[in-house]
């Protein structure tokens, strides 16, 4: 059983930055694609960003392109989401997820493709 845990959320003002961290209990993350999703009150969970098992490919939601950057450090069993120029509409609970799907068949933007989820970390953005 792989566990992932997020940290780094908090209360910031519009235009500020935050860096979310996801740490995994897996012996190694190298075989897992990693993704970030978010859910705002009254809304469905939505895809934010994902990174392939080897870091060679990344995907972003249109709403965060150019502002958010996903990365990974397999030596630390960690993935990161750097969020810059935050907007009030970015406020949500952010979830980290890991997928063991083969890269050739992995739909990184679909939440159903991920087997392991964290508990989430709250991001609040004041206007």
Foldseek 3Di string as FASTA:
>chain_A
DKAKAKDWADEEAQQAKTKMKIAMPDPWQLLKKKFKWWDAPPGDIFGAKIADSHRPDMDGDPVQPPFWDWDADRVRRMIMIIGGRDDQVVWTWMKMFIANDPPVPDPRGDPVRTDYIYPTDTHGYHD
